[in-house]
Structures are given as C-alpha cells and as structure tokens.
Amino acid sequence: MNYYLGVDGGGSKTLAVVTDQDGKVMGRAATGCGNHQSGAAIAEQNIRLAVDEALHASGLTKERITYSTFGLAGADREADYQVLRPMIAGLGLEQHYIVCDTVIGLRAGTRQSHGVVVICGTGTNCYGINREGHELQVGGFGYAFGDFGGGGELAVEVFRSVIRAWEGREQPTRLSQATLNLLGFASTEAMFHHYLDHGMRAPLEIAKLLFEVAEHDELARDILRRQGRELGIAASAVIRKLSMQQDSFDLVMAGSLLTRGDSRFISPFIEAEVSAAAPGCRLMVLRLEPVAGALFMAMEKSGNPVGESVYHALDEQLSVQEANALWHKN
C-alpha cells in the first residue's frame, strides 16, 4: 500500500493530510501560519507540527510515506525556495515536492492539465498553466507590487470606511455598527482612539463583515466589486500572456473569501473581465480543500495516476464544508 502526504501552508493556517492510495484519509492536522514570509521560524514550526500530528493520527511513520507535496504560500521566487528547500528537507520526508499554494489550488479544482486559478484568502494571487505546460504567476506580493485585496487589505478597507463614515468623508454604512459589535466598542470614536493610541492594525476578522452587510449596503458592494474586478484583471493577464484566449478551460476560484464568503458579490465581476479575454473559460468555485490538490500531485509524482475512485473519496472527505467543520472540531 502506498501512502501520501499533502500540506497546504497558508497565511492563516496550515493543513496536513495523510491518505492511502485509494484516497482514504488516514490522518489530518491543522496548525497556524505556514507562510515563511510572515516569519520563517514560525512557519517551519507550524508545518512540522502539522506533519507530525497528521502522521501520528494516521499511525504511520515518515518512512512509510511514498510521496509528499507541500503547497506553500510565499513560494513565489527562487529566493523563497532557497529558504523552503532546506526547511522542508529537514522534516525527513525523502520524496517530496514544493510548489506555491496557487498550484495545489488549481489542481484541486480541475481535472484538466491546464487552467487558471485566482486565490483570495489572506492575500490574493493568480496562476495559470497552458496546454504546452508553460506557467505564469501574476500577483501575490501585496498592494505596493500591484495587488489589491485579500482578507488583510479588505479588513483595512472596512476599517477605514467606518472611520471615514464617522468623520463625514464617506456615506453612512452598515459596516459601522457591524464592526463595533464585532470588536466590542460603544462608538467609532472610542475604536478610533483605541487603535491609534495602541498602534494597532485593522483585525483580519472584520473582512467577513463585507459579505454580511453587502445585501443592503452599497459601500460594501463597491469594495467587493473592486475585489472581483482586480481578480478578473489578474486572470485576464495570465490568459493573454499564456495565449489561452481560444482555449476551453476552468478558472478555479480559491481562497476563503471565495469559497466560504458569498461569491455572488465577487464572481460576476471576475467573469465579466475574464469572458472578454477567453470566452471558453468556465468559472468554478473550489469545492475541495486545496490540500487535496497537494495529494493528487503527490500521487502523480510517484507515478500513480489519480483514478475516479480517488476523486470520489476525497470529494467526500475533503470538501470545503466538511473539512472546515473537522478542522474546527479538532
């Protein structure tokens, strides 16, 4: 029996899953941030802990793992791999492969050999691979390097919108009371001074409020509309540069803000941009945890093609909804 390890190291959490060759989940674990760009020592600690706990739950040793794939946020450039190669090699898993988390997100979301993925989680990113196997990544480096959005920046948009509405520089918004309720302040003025006096940053958790009030709040819809357009622009750039305009392929929408948020406030604006660049592109919301893509790649790297029964098994065990409940339960 062959056994496989998949790891998804993101900006907010790291997931590790061990399966057998039939796709049966043997063990799983969730820890904190696995992005080395947020601190290599903490990322290594979280990745190592997730791997160790998943192996312990599976009852297997590292030597029993046939192949491992690590999909890691921040694995963007050679400078990153110079940090990541020794870090992952130090885990003691002989056969392993490291890719950016965008790659496993795409593999989890499509059964085709080519396609495009946009990620909107803690940050944003876009990656594509064409029929010839040429790859391209656009984004993933933050606002100063051309990106917009993701949970971190959307939280700032929420926070500053509340401040601007209080000051009269912006229209009144339902985001104001929702933010005060979530953060436990009696007034925007009290929140303003508290965060300013303590040098605090807008908390990531308030980004989700955009979806909670968007149905009845124009300002929230405007922010989400901009997020959708920016993701669509990034995807269109990848499509054009990889000459995929005439192809038929999936554009996978991944990351917590697209898979766990209400994508109807974002996806139409992605589609509007992308359909103009590639009419044959189909938008797909990622239904599997990206770690499933790491497992598929581990199987394929070891020379074992992924069969229909394996897809079915992981569809049942690693759907976004099912896995989300299990991570919180554990």
C-alpha atoms as a PDB file:
ATOM      1  CA  MET A   1       0.000   0.000   0.000  1.00  0.00           C
ATOM      2  CA  ASN A   2       1.254   3.491  -0.899  1.00  0.00           C
ATOM      3  CA  TYR A   3       0.650   6.441   1.406  1.00  0.00           C
ATOM      4  CA  TYR A   4       0.709  10.137   0.586  1.00  0.00           C
ATOM      5  CA  LEU A   5       1.083  13.395   2.475  1.00  0.00           C
ATOM      6  CA  GLY A   6      -0.339  16.708   1.307  1.00  0.00           C
ATOM      7  CA  VAL A   7       0.348  20.015   3.044  1.00  0.00           C
ATOM      8  CA  ASP A   8      -1.326  23.377   2.441  1.00  0.00           C
ATOM      9  CA  GLY A   9       0.636  26.099   4.236  1.00  0.00           C
ATOM     10  CA  GLY A  10      -1.320  29.345   4.066  1.00  0.00           C
ATOM     11  CA  GLY A  11      -1.149  32.789   5.566  1.00  0.00           C
ATOM     12  CA  SER A  12      -3.528  31.960   8.407  1.00  0.00           C
ATOM     13  CA  LYS A  13      -3.370  28.171   8.788  1.00  0.00           C
ATOM     14  CA  THR A  14      -1.513  25.042   7.737  1.00  0.00           C
ATOM     15  CA  LEU A  15      -3.352  21.835   6.887  1.00  0.00           C
ATOM     16  CA  ALA A  16      -1.699  18.416   6.586  1.00  0.00           C
ATOM     17  CA  VAL A  17      -3.474  15.273   5.394  1.00  0.00           C
ATOM     18  CA  VAL A  18      -2.267  11.681   5.001  1.00  0.00           C
ATOM     19  CA  THR A  19      -4.136   9.277   2.698  1.00  0.00           C
ATOM     20  CA  ASP A  20      -3.641   5.809   1.307  1.00  0.00           C
ATOM     21  CA  GLN A  21      -3.528   5.097  -2.427  1.00  0.00           C
ATOM     22  CA  ASP A  22      -7.313   4.747  -2.541  1.00  0.00           C
ATOM     23  CA  GLY A  23      -7.854   8.258  -1.187  1.00  0.00           C
ATOM     24  CA  LYS A  24      -8.879   7.204   2.306  1.00  0.00           C
ATOM     25  CA  VAL A  25      -7.854   9.878   4.812  1.00  0.00           C
ATOM     26  CA  MET A  26      -5.675   8.242   7.464  1.00  0.00           C
ATOM     27  CA  GLY A  27      -4.789  11.334   9.478  1.00  0.00           C
ATOM     28  CA  ARG A  28      -5.112  15.108   9.414  1.00  0.00           C
ATOM     29  CA  ALA A  29      -3.987  18.128  11.396  1.00  0.00           C
ATOM     30  CA  ALA A  30      -4.346  21.913  11.398  1.00  0.00           C
ATOM     31  CA  THR A  31      -1.912  24.474  12.819  1.00  0.00           C
ATOM     32  CA  GLY A  32      -1.107  28.155  12.308  1.00  0.00           C
ATOM     33  CA  CYS A  33       0.522  30.261   9.582  1.00  0.00           C
ATOM     34  CA  GLY A  34       2.724  28.336   7.143  1.00  0.00           C
ATOM     35  CA  ASN A  35       3.938  31.306   5.087  1.00  0.00           C
ATOM     36  CA  HIS A  36       7.679  31.814   5.640  1.00  0.00           C
ATOM     37  CA  GLN A  37       7.363  35.427   4.520  1.00  0.00           C
ATOM     38  CA  SER A  38       5.495  36.093   7.765  1.00  0.00           C
ATOM     39  CA  GLY A  39       8.317  34.526   9.773  1.00  0.00           C
ATOM     40  CA  ALA A  40      10.356  31.518   8.689  1.00  0.00           C
ATOM     41  CA  ALA A  41      10.799  30.093  12.191  1.00  0.00           C
ATOM     42  CA  ILE A  42       7.070  30.188  12.986  1.00  0.00           C
ATOM     43  CA  ALA A  43       6.165  28.788   9.566  1.00  0.00           C
ATOM     44  CA  GLU A  44       8.613  25.900   9.989  1.00  0.00           C
ATOM     45  CA  GLN A  45       7.282  25.163  13.453  1.00  0.00           C
ATOM     46  CA  ASN A  46       3.671  25.093  12.219  1.00  0.00           C
ATOM     47  CA  ILE A  47       4.455  22.969   9.154  1.00  0.00           C
ATOM     48  CA  ARG A  48       6.474  20.493  11.214  1.00  0.00           C
ATOM     49  CA  LEU A  49       3.763  20.254  13.863  1.00  0.00           C
ATOM     50  CA  ALA A  50       1.022  19.730  11.268  1.00  0.00           C
ATOM     51  CA  VAL A  51       3.016  16.970   9.566  1.00  0.00           C
ATOM     52  CA  ASP A  52       3.883  15.251  12.847  1.00  0.00           C
ATOM     53  CA  GLU A  53       0.298  15.363  14.113  1.00  0.00           C
ATOM     54  CA  ALA A  54      -1.150  14.096  10.821  1.00  0.00           C
ATOM     55  CA  LEU A  55       1.336  11.223  10.786  1.00  0.00           C
ATOM     56  CA  HIS A  56       0.609  10.402  14.414  1.00  0.00           C
ATOM     57  CA  ALA A  57      -3.135  10.339  13.706  1.00  0.00           C
ATOM     58  CA  SER A  58      -2.528   8.037  10.731  1.00  0.00           C
ATOM     59  CA  GLY A  59      -0.383   5.620  12.729  1.00  0.00           C
ATOM     60  CA  LEU A  60       2.343   5.854  10.082  1.00  0.00           C
ATOM     61  CA  THR A  61       5.989   6.841  10.258  1.00  0.00           C
ATOM     62  CA  LYS A  62       7.688   9.199   7.799  1.00  0.00           C
ATOM     63  CA  GLU A  63       9.400   6.244   6.177  1.00  0.00           C
ATOM     64  CA  ARG A  64       6.021   4.810   5.136  1.00  0.00           C
ATOM     65  CA  ILE A  65       5.092   7.921   3.116  1.00  0.00           C
ATOM     66  CA  THR A  66       5.563   7.258  -0.599  1.00  0.00           C
ATOM     67  CA  TYR A  67       5.497  10.907  -1.670  1.00  0.00           C
ATOM     68  CA  SER A  68       4.694  14.324  -0.178  1.00  0.00           C
ATOM     69  CA  THR A  69       3.667  17.604  -1.794  1.00  0.00           C
ATOM     70  CA  PHE A  70       3.869  20.927   0.002  1.00  0.00           C
ATOM     71  CA  GLY A  71       1.781  23.776  -1.380  1.00  0.00           C
ATOM     72  CA  LEU A  72       3.095  26.821   0.444  1.00  0.00           C
ATOM     73  CA  ALA A  73       2.013  30.442   0.399  1.00  0.00           C
ATOM     74  CA  GLY A  74       5.009  32.620  -0.375  1.00  0.00           C
ATOM     75  CA  ALA A  75       6.729  30.014  -2.563  1.00  0.00           C
ATOM     76  CA  ASP A  76       6.917  32.525  -5.379  1.00  0.00           C
ATOM     77  CA  ARG A  77      10.567  33.115  -6.361  1.00  0.00           C
ATOM     78  CA  GLU A  78      13.940  31.384  -6.249  1.00  0.00           C
ATOM     79  CA  ALA A  79      14.788  33.453  -3.171  1.00  0.00           C
ATOM     80  CA  ASP A  80      11.814  31.811  -1.426  1.00  0.00           C
ATOM     81  CA  TYR A  81      12.844  28.303  -2.456  1.00  0.00           C
ATOM     82  CA  GLN A  82      16.312  28.886  -1.041  1.00  0.00           C
ATOM     83  CA  VAL A  83      14.575  29.206   2.329  1.00  0.00           C
ATOM     84  CA  LEU A  84      11.991  26.496   1.769  1.00  0.00           C
ATOM     85  CA  ARG A  85      14.123  23.677   0.337  1.00  0.00           C
ATOM     86  CA  PRO A  86      16.250  23.172   3.472  1.00  0.00           C
ATOM     87  CA  MET A  87      13.230  23.786   5.694  1.00  0.00           C
ATOM     88  CA  ILE A  88      11.161  21.026   4.091  1.00  0.00           C
ATOM     89  CA  ALA A  89      14.155  18.702   3.624  1.00  0.00           C
ATOM     90  CA  GLY A  90      14.687  18.968   7.371  1.00  0.00           C
ATOM     91  CA  LEU A  91      11.345  17.283   8.001  1.00  0.00           C
ATOM     92  CA  GLY A  92      12.859  13.954   6.983  1.00  0.00           C
ATOM     93  CA  LEU A  93      10.441  13.054   4.191  1.00  0.00           C
ATOM     94  CA  GLU A  94      12.628  11.603   1.458  1.00  0.00           C
ATOM     95  CA  GLN A  95      10.390  12.026  -1.602  1.00  0.00           C
ATOM     96  CA  HIS A  96       8.824  15.467  -1.601  1.00  0.00           C
ATOM     97  CA  TYR A  97       7.921  18.378  -3.864  1.00  0.00           C
ATOM     98  CA  ILE A  98       7.358  22.066  -3.108  1.00  0.00           C
ATOM     99  CA  VAL A  99       5.054  24.366  -5.076  1.00  0.00           C
ATOM    100  CA  CYS A 100       3.208  27.611  -4.451  1.00  0.00           C
ATOM    101  CA  ASP A 101      -0.211  27.186  -2.852  1.00  0.00           C
ATOM    102  CA  THR A 102      -1.790  28.552  -6.050  1.00  0.00           C
ATOM    103  CA  VAL A 103      -0.672  25.394  -7.867  1.00  0.00           C
ATOM    104  CA  ILE A 104      -2.398  22.986  -5.477  1.00  0.00           C
ATOM    105  CA  GLY A 105      -5.489  25.205  -5.542  1.00  0.00           C
ATOM    106  CA  LEU A 106      -5.716  24.796  -9.307  1.00  0.00           C
ATOM    107  CA  ARG A 107      -5.047  21.038  -9.156  1.00  0.00           C
ATOM    108  CA  ALA A 108      -7.774  20.601  -6.546  1.00  0.00           C
ATOM    109  CA  GLY A 109     -10.288  22.493  -8.656  1.00  0.00           C
ATOM    110  CA  THR A 110      -9.909  20.995 -12.136  1.00  0.00           C
ATOM    111  CA  ARG A 111      -9.199  17.627 -13.701  1.00  0.00           C
ATOM    112  CA  GLN A 112      -7.718  19.229 -16.801  1.00  0.00           C
ATOM    113  CA  SER A 113      -3.970  19.570 -17.323  1.00  0.00           C
ATOM    114  CA  HIS A 114      -4.294  23.309 -17.943  1.00  0.00           C
ATOM    115  CA  GLY A 115      -6.263  26.159 -16.422  1.00  0.00           C
ATOM    116  CA  VAL A 116      -6.133  29.265 -14.247  1.00  0.00           C
ATOM    117  CA  VAL A 117      -6.716  29.840 -10.555  1.00  0.00           C
ATOM    118  CA  VAL A 118      -7.369  33.028  -8.625  1.00  0.00           C
ATOM    119  CA  ILE A 119      -6.882  32.977  -4.873  1.00  0.00           C
ATOM    120  CA  CYS A 120      -8.454  35.404  -2.459  1.00  0.00           C
ATOM    121  CA  GLY A 121      -7.651  34.408   1.099  1.00  0.00           C
ATOM    122  CA  THR A 122      -5.395  36.319   3.461  1.00  0.00           C
ATOM    123  CA  GLY A 123      -3.905  37.818   0.287  1.00  0.00           C
ATOM    124  CA  THR A 124      -4.502  37.413  -3.444  1.00  0.00           C
ATOM    125  CA  ASN A 125      -2.675  35.528  -6.167  1.00  0.00           C
ATOM    126  CA  CYS A 126      -3.212  34.210  -9.698  1.00  0.00           C
ATOM    127  CA  TYR A 127      -1.560  31.336 -11.537  1.00  0.00           C
ATOM    128  CA  GLY A 128      -2.061  29.582 -14.848  1.00  0.00           C
ATOM    129  CA  ILE A 129      -0.661  26.762 -16.937  1.00  0.00           C
ATOM    130  CA  ASN A 130      -1.436  26.296 -20.642  1.00  0.00           C
ATOM    131  CA  ARG A 131      -1.677  23.179 -22.834  1.00  0.00           C
ATOM    132  CA  GLU A 132       2.042  23.316 -23.572  1.00  0.00           C
ATOM    133  CA  GLY A 133       2.899  23.306 -19.886  1.00  0.00           C
ATOM    134  CA  HIS A 134       4.047  26.928 -19.733  1.00  0.00           C
ATOM    135  CA  GLU A 135       3.279  28.500 -16.359  1.00  0.00           C
ATOM    136  CA  LEU A 136       2.815  32.047 -15.129  1.00  0.00           C
ATOM    137  CA  GLN A 137       2.051  33.687 -11.810  1.00  0.00           C
ATOM    138  CA  VAL A 138       0.661  37.213 -11.569  1.00  0.00           C
ATOM    139  CA  GLY A 139       0.459  38.850  -8.164  1.00  0.00           C
ATOM    140  CA  GLY A 140       0.921  37.535  -4.684  1.00  0.00           C
ATOM    141  CA  PHE A 141       3.239  40.274  -3.456  1.00  0.00           C
ATOM    142  CA  GLY A 142       0.863  42.855  -1.980  1.00  0.00           C
ATOM    143  CA  TYR A 143      -0.600  46.235  -2.808  1.00  0.00           C
ATOM    144  CA  ALA A 144       2.713  48.013  -3.462  1.00  0.00           C
ATOM    145  CA  PHE A 145       3.518  45.389  -6.122  1.00  0.00           C
ATOM    146  CA  GLY A 146       0.232  45.675  -7.982  1.00  0.00           C
ATOM    147  CA  ASP A 147      -2.268  43.580  -5.983  1.00  0.00           C
ATOM    148  CA  PHE A 148      -5.494  44.598  -4.335  1.00  0.00           C
ATOM    149  CA  GLY A 149      -7.429  42.795  -1.669  1.00  0.00           C
ATOM    150  CA  GLY A 150      -7.428  39.555   0.194  1.00  0.00           C
ATOM    151  CA  GLY A 151      -8.560  39.432   3.800  1.00  0.00           C
ATOM    152  CA  GLY A 152      -5.751  41.641   5.111  1.00  0.00           C
ATOM    153  CA  GLU A 153      -6.396  44.542   2.753  1.00  0.00           C
ATOM    154  CA  LEU A 154     -10.165  44.160   2.760  1.00  0.00           C
ATOM    155  CA  ALA A 155     -10.076  44.440   6.549  1.00  0.00           C
ATOM    156  CA  VAL A 156      -8.273  47.761   6.126  1.00  0.00           C
ATOM    157  CA  GLU A 157     -10.930  48.856   3.621  1.00  0.00           C
ATOM    158  CA  VAL A 158     -13.653  48.037   6.144  1.00  0.00           C
ATOM    159  CA  PHE A 159     -11.860  49.809   8.993  1.00  0.00           C
ATOM    160  CA  ARG A 160     -11.096  52.978   7.050  1.00  0.00           C
ATOM    161  CA  SER A 161     -14.628  53.078   5.625  1.00  0.00           C
ATOM    162  CA  VAL A 162     -16.043  53.051   9.145  1.00  0.00           C
ATOM    163  CA  ILE A 163     -13.674  55.857  10.167  1.00  0.00           C
ATOM    164  CA  ARG A 164     -14.468  57.883   7.046  1.00  0.00           C
ATOM    165  CA  ALA A 165     -18.216  57.491   7.577  1.00  0.00           C
ATOM    166  CA  TRP A 166     -17.839  58.673  11.192  1.00  0.00           C
ATOM    167  CA  GLU A 167     -15.860  61.711  10.054  1.00  0.00           C
ATOM    168  CA  GLY A 168     -18.297  62.542   7.260  1.00  0.00           C
ATOM    169  CA  ARG A 169     -15.872  61.759   4.444  1.00  0.00           C
ATOM    170  CA  GLU A 170     -17.933  58.739   3.365  1.00  0.00           C
ATOM    171  CA  GLN A 171     -21.590  57.773   3.174  1.00  0.00           C
ATOM    172  CA  PRO A 172     -23.130  56.061   6.213  1.00  0.00           C
ATOM    173  CA  THR A 173     -22.610  52.299   6.098  1.00  0.00           C
ATOM    174  CA  ARG A 174     -23.893  49.219   7.895  1.00  0.00           C
ATOM    175  CA  LEU A 175     -20.242  48.263   8.265  1.00  0.00           C
ATOM    176  CA  SER A 176     -20.012  50.760  11.136  1.00  0.00           C
ATOM    177  CA  GLN A 177     -22.353  49.050  13.602  1.00  0.00           C
ATOM    178  CA  ALA A 178     -21.269  45.586  12.461  1.00  0.00           C
ATOM    179  CA  THR A 179     -17.622  46.451  13.142  1.00  0.00           C
ATOM    180  CA  LEU A 180     -18.356  47.992  16.538  1.00  0.00           C
ATOM    181  CA  ASN A 181     -20.392  44.943  17.545  1.00  0.00           C
ATOM    182  CA  LEU A 182     -17.683  42.515  16.468  1.00  0.00           C
ATOM    183  CA  LEU A 183     -14.822  44.407  18.117  1.00  0.00           C
ATOM    184  CA  GLY A 184     -16.749  45.392  21.243  1.00  0.00           C
ATOM    185  CA  PHE A 185     -16.729  49.198  21.082  1.00  0.00           C
ATOM    186  CA  ALA A 186     -19.563  51.535  22.034  1.00  0.00           C
ATOM    187  CA  SER A 187     -18.662  54.117  19.396  1.00  0.00           C
ATOM    188  CA  THR A 188     -16.473  54.652  16.355  1.00  0.00           C
ATOM    189  CA  GLU A 189     -14.707  57.435  18.244  1.00  0.00           C
ATOM    190  CA  ALA A 190     -13.713  55.032  21.023  1.00  0.00           C
ATOM    191  CA  MET A 191     -12.472  52.494  18.466  1.00  0.00           C
ATOM    192  CA  PHE A 192     -10.545  55.178  16.572  1.00  0.00           C
ATOM    193  CA  HIS A 193      -8.634  56.360  19.640  1.00  0.00           C
ATOM    194  CA  HIS A 194      -8.018  52.855  20.979  1.00  0.00           C
ATOM    195  CA  TYR A 195      -6.425  51.636  17.773  1.00  0.00           C
ATOM    196  CA  LEU A 196      -4.477  54.836  17.263  1.00  0.00           C
ATOM    197  CA  ASP A 197      -3.206  55.032  20.851  1.00  0.00           C
ATOM    198  CA  HIS A 198      -2.022  51.413  20.815  1.00  0.00           C
ATOM    199  CA  GLY A 199      -0.573  51.369  17.304  1.00  0.00           C
ATOM    200  CA  MET A 200      -2.933  48.552  16.330  1.00  0.00           C
ATOM    201  CA  ARG A 201      -3.802  47.353  12.832  1.00  0.00           C
ATOM    202  CA  ALA A 202      -7.233  46.540  11.466  1.00  0.00           C
ATOM    203  CA  PRO A 203      -8.042  42.966  12.576  1.00  0.00           C
ATOM    204  CA  LEU A 204      -8.373  40.409   9.781  1.00  0.00           C
ATOM    205  CA  GLU A 205     -11.712  39.128  11.094  1.00  0.00           C
ATOM    206  CA  ILE A 206     -13.633  42.260  10.071  1.00  0.00           C
ATOM    207  CA  ALA A 207     -13.194  41.477   6.350  1.00  0.00           C
ATOM    208  CA  LYS A 208     -16.048  38.945   6.619  1.00  0.00           C
ATOM    209  CA  LEU A 209     -18.433  41.774   7.519  1.00  0.00           C
ATOM    210  CA  LEU A 210     -18.419  42.870   3.878  1.00  0.00           C
ATOM    211  CA  PHE A 211     -20.405  39.756   2.972  1.00  0.00           C
ATOM    212  CA  GLU A 212     -22.695  40.049   5.982  1.00  0.00           C
ATOM    213  CA  VAL A 213     -23.942  43.530   5.080  1.00  0.00           C
ATOM    214  CA  ALA A 214     -23.450  43.591   1.286  1.00  0.00           C
ATOM    215  CA  GLU A 215     -27.082  42.719   0.512  1.00  0.00           C
ATOM    216  CA  HIS A 216     -28.184  46.081   1.902  1.00  0.00           C
ATOM    217  CA  ASP A 217     -25.026  48.202   1.822  1.00  0.00           C
ATOM    218  CA  GLU A 218     -23.761  49.958  -1.296  1.00  0.00           C
ATOM    219  CA  LEU A 219     -20.325  50.721   0.130  1.00  0.00           C
ATOM    220  CA  ALA A 220     -19.686  47.059   0.978  1.00  0.00           C
ATOM    221  CA  ARG A 221     -20.786  46.031  -2.505  1.00  0.00           C
ATOM    222  CA  ASP A 222     -18.435  48.612  -4.038  1.00  0.00           C
ATOM    223  CA  ILE A 223     -15.455  47.160  -2.159  1.00  0.00           C
ATOM    224  CA  LEU A 224     -16.338  43.599  -3.165  1.00  0.00           C
ATOM    225  CA  ARG A 225     -16.930  44.719  -6.754  1.00  0.00           C
ATOM    226  CA  ARG A 226     -13.443  46.168  -6.888  1.00  0.00           C
ATOM    227  CA  GLN A 227     -12.058  42.928  -5.477  1.00  0.00           C
ATOM    228  CA  GLY A 228     -13.786  40.950  -8.206  1.00  0.00           C
ATOM    229  CA  ARG A 229     -12.585  43.223 -10.981  1.00  0.00           C
ATOM    230  CA  GLU A 230      -8.999  43.102  -9.744  1.00  0.00           C
ATOM    231  CA  LEU A 231      -9.043  39.292  -9.617  1.00  0.00           C
ATOM    232  CA  GLY A 232     -10.511  39.213 -13.110  1.00  0.00           C
ATOM    233  CA  ILE A 233      -7.854  41.598 -14.411  1.00  0.00           C
ATOM    234  CA  ALA A 234      -5.096  39.382 -12.961  1.00  0.00           C
ATOM    235  CA  ALA A 235      -6.632  36.265 -14.523  1.00  0.00           C
ATOM    236  CA  SER A 236      -7.016  38.015 -17.874  1.00  0.00           C
ATOM    237  CA  ALA A 237      -3.348  38.997 -17.810  1.00  0.00           C
ATOM    238  CA  VAL A 238      -2.352  35.362 -17.246  1.00  0.00           C
ATOM    239  CA  ILE A 239      -4.669  34.187 -20.014  1.00  0.00           C
ATOM    240  CA  ARG A 240      -3.259  36.649 -22.542  1.00  0.00           C
ATOM    241  CA  LYS A 241       0.385  36.039 -21.666  1.00  0.00           C
ATOM    242  CA  LEU A 242      -0.083  32.264 -21.922  1.00  0.00           C
ATOM    243  CA  SER A 243      -2.037  32.632 -25.205  1.00  0.00           C
ATOM    244  CA  MET A 244      -5.086  30.849 -23.794  1.00  0.00           C
ATOM    245  CA  GLN A 245      -7.714  33.159 -25.327  1.00  0.00           C
ATOM    246  CA  GLN A 246      -9.092  30.473 -27.670  1.00  0.00           C
ATOM    247  CA  ASP A 247      -8.869  27.580 -25.218  1.00  0.00           C
ATOM    248  CA  SER A 248     -11.566  25.892 -23.161  1.00  0.00           C
ATOM    249  CA  PHE A 249     -10.503  25.612 -19.517  1.00  0.00           C
ATOM    250  CA  ASP A 250     -11.557  26.094 -15.898  1.00  0.00           C
ATOM    251  CA  LEU A 251     -10.846  29.213 -13.908  1.00  0.00           C
ATOM    252  CA  VAL A 252     -10.831  27.997 -10.311  1.00  0.00           C
ATOM    253  CA  MET A 253     -11.812  30.485  -7.616  1.00  0.00           C
ATOM    254  CA  ALA A 254     -10.000  29.545  -4.405  1.00  0.00           C
ATOM    255  CA  GLY A 255      -9.230  31.064  -1.006  1.00  0.00           C
ATOM    256  CA  SER A 256     -11.556  31.516   1.949  1.00  0.00           C
ATOM    257  CA  LEU A 257     -13.165  34.736   0.707  1.00  0.00           C
ATOM    258  CA  LEU A 258     -14.289  32.985  -2.482  1.00  0.00           C
ATOM    259  CA  THR A 259     -15.085  29.525  -1.110  1.00  0.00           C
ATOM    260  CA  ARG A 260     -16.582  30.496   2.258  1.00  0.00           C
ATOM    261  CA  GLY A 261     -17.826  34.010   1.503  1.00  0.00           C
ATOM    262  CA  ASP A 262     -20.841  34.848  -0.666  1.00  0.00           C
ATOM    263  CA  SER A 263     -19.163  34.763  -4.080  1.00  0.00           C
ATOM    264  CA  ARG A 264     -22.140  36.344  -5.857  1.00  0.00           C
ATOM    265  CA  PHE A 265     -20.796  39.720  -4.752  1.00  0.00           C
ATOM    266  CA  ILE A 266     -17.413  38.998  -6.369  1.00  0.00           C
ATOM    267  CA  SER A 267     -17.626  36.322  -9.061  1.00  0.00           C
ATOM    268  CA  PRO A 268     -19.774  38.235 -11.608  1.00  0.00           C
ATOM    269  CA  PHE A 269     -17.057  40.867 -11.826  1.00  0.00           C
ATOM    270  CA  ILE A 270     -14.335  38.251 -12.254  1.00  0.00           C
ATOM    271  CA  GLU A 271     -16.423  36.681 -15.008  1.00  0.00           C
ATOM    272  CA  ALA A 272     -17.024  39.991 -16.781  1.00  0.00           C
ATOM    273  CA  GLU A 273     -13.282  40.581 -17.091  1.00  0.00           C
ATOM    274  CA  VAL A 274     -12.337  37.023 -17.993  1.00  0.00           C
ATOM    275  CA  SER A 275     -15.100  36.296 -20.509  1.00  0.00           C
ATOM    276  CA  ALA A 276     -13.868  39.200 -22.621  1.00  0.00           C
ATOM    277  CA  ALA A 277     -10.382  37.665 -22.723  1.00  0.00           C
ATOM    278  CA  ALA A 278     -11.359  33.973 -23.088  1.00  0.00           C
ATOM    279  CA  PRO A 279     -14.998  33.142 -23.959  1.00  0.00           C
ATOM    280  CA  GLY A 280     -14.305  29.418 -23.393  1.00  0.00           C
ATOM    281  CA  CYS A 281     -13.307  29.907 -19.760  1.00  0.00           C
ATOM    282  CA  ARG A 282     -15.602  28.347 -17.128  1.00  0.00           C
ATOM    283  CA  LEU A 283     -15.671  29.745 -13.594  1.00  0.00           C
ATOM    284  CA  MET A 284     -15.551  27.094 -10.860  1.00  0.00           C
ATOM    285  CA  VAL A 285     -15.699  27.725  -7.112  1.00  0.00           C
ATOM    286  CA  LEU A 286     -13.209  25.382  -5.437  1.00  0.00           C
ATOM    287  CA  ARG A 287     -15.218  22.719  -3.599  1.00  0.00           C
ATOM    288  CA  LEU A 288     -12.260  20.770  -2.222  1.00  0.00           C
ATOM    289  CA  GLU A 289      -9.716  21.921   0.298  1.00  0.00           C
ATOM    290  CA  PRO A 290      -6.562  22.908  -1.667  1.00  0.00           C
ATOM    291  CA  VAL A 291      -4.666  20.257   0.299  1.00  0.00           C
ATOM    292  CA  ALA A 292      -6.486  17.730  -1.908  1.00  0.00           C
ATOM    293  CA  GLY A 293      -4.550  19.169  -4.848  1.00  0.00           C
ATOM    294  CA  ALA A 294      -1.310  18.503  -2.982  1.00  0.00           C
ATOM    295  CA  LEU A 295      -2.392  14.882  -2.502  1.00  0.00           C
ATOM    296  CA  PHE A 296      -3.293  14.475  -6.189  1.00  0.00           C
ATOM    297  CA  MET A 297       0.118  15.854  -7.154  1.00  0.00           C
ATOM    298  CA  ALA A 298       1.902  13.559  -4.687  1.00  0.00           C
ATOM    299  CA  MET A 299       0.185  10.549  -6.233  1.00  0.00           C
ATOM    300  CA  GLU A 300       1.045  11.664  -9.747  1.00  0.00           C
ATOM    301  CA  LYS A 301       4.654  12.472  -8.852  1.00  0.00           C
ATOM    302  CA  SER A 302       5.072   8.910  -7.580  1.00  0.00           C
ATOM    303  CA  GLY A 303       3.813   7.534 -10.894  1.00  0.00           C
ATOM    304  CA  ASN A 304       0.274   6.680  -9.790  1.00  0.00           C
ATOM    305  CA  PRO A 305      -2.413   8.447 -11.868  1.00  0.00           C
ATOM    306  CA  VAL A 306      -5.420   9.693  -9.925  1.00  0.00           C
ATOM    307  CA  GLY A 307      -8.419   7.478 -10.661  1.00  0.00           C
ATOM    308  CA  GLU A 308     -12.112   8.269 -10.454  1.00  0.00           C
ATOM    309  CA  SER A 309     -12.453   6.400  -7.155  1.00  0.00           C
ATOM    310  CA  VAL A 310      -9.782   8.609  -5.549  1.00  0.00           C
ATOM    311  CA  TYR A 311     -11.516  11.777  -6.736  1.00  0.00           C
ATOM    312  CA  HIS A 312     -14.772  10.479  -5.315  1.00  0.00           C
ATOM    313  CA  ALA A 313     -13.196   9.538  -1.989  1.00  0.00           C
ATOM    314  CA  LEU A 314     -11.609  12.938  -1.463  1.00  0.00           C
ATOM    315  CA  ASP A 315     -14.745  14.727  -2.677  1.00  0.00           C
ATOM    316  CA  GLU A 316     -16.489  13.139   0.285  1.00  0.00           C
ATOM    317  CA  GLN A 317     -13.737  13.670   2.859  1.00  0.00           C
ATOM    318  CA  LEU A 318     -12.115  16.975   1.918  1.00  0.00           C
ATOM    319  CA  SER A 319     -14.920  19.174   0.676  1.00  0.00           C
ATOM    320  CA  VAL A 320     -14.531  22.756   1.900  1.00  0.00           C
ATOM    321  CA  GLN A 321     -17.597  22.467   4.139  1.00  0.00           C
ATOM    322  CA  GLU A 322     -16.722  19.036   5.558  1.00  0.00           C
ATOM    323  CA  ALA A 323     -13.072  19.857   6.149  1.00  0.00           C
ATOM    324  CA  ASN A 324     -13.882  23.225   7.703  1.00  0.00           C
ATOM    325  CA  ALA A 325     -16.100  21.530  10.302  1.00  0.00           C
ATOM    326  CA  LEU A 326     -13.435  18.933  11.070  1.00  0.00           C
ATOM    327  CA  TRP A 327     -10.598  21.455  11.442  1.00  0.00           C
ATOM    328  CA  HIS A 328     -12.654  23.426  13.970  1.00  0.00           C
ATOM    329  CA  LYS A 329     -13.793  20.294  15.772  1.00  0.00           C
ATOM    330  CA  ASN A 330     -10.207  19.067  16.125  1.00  0.00           C
END
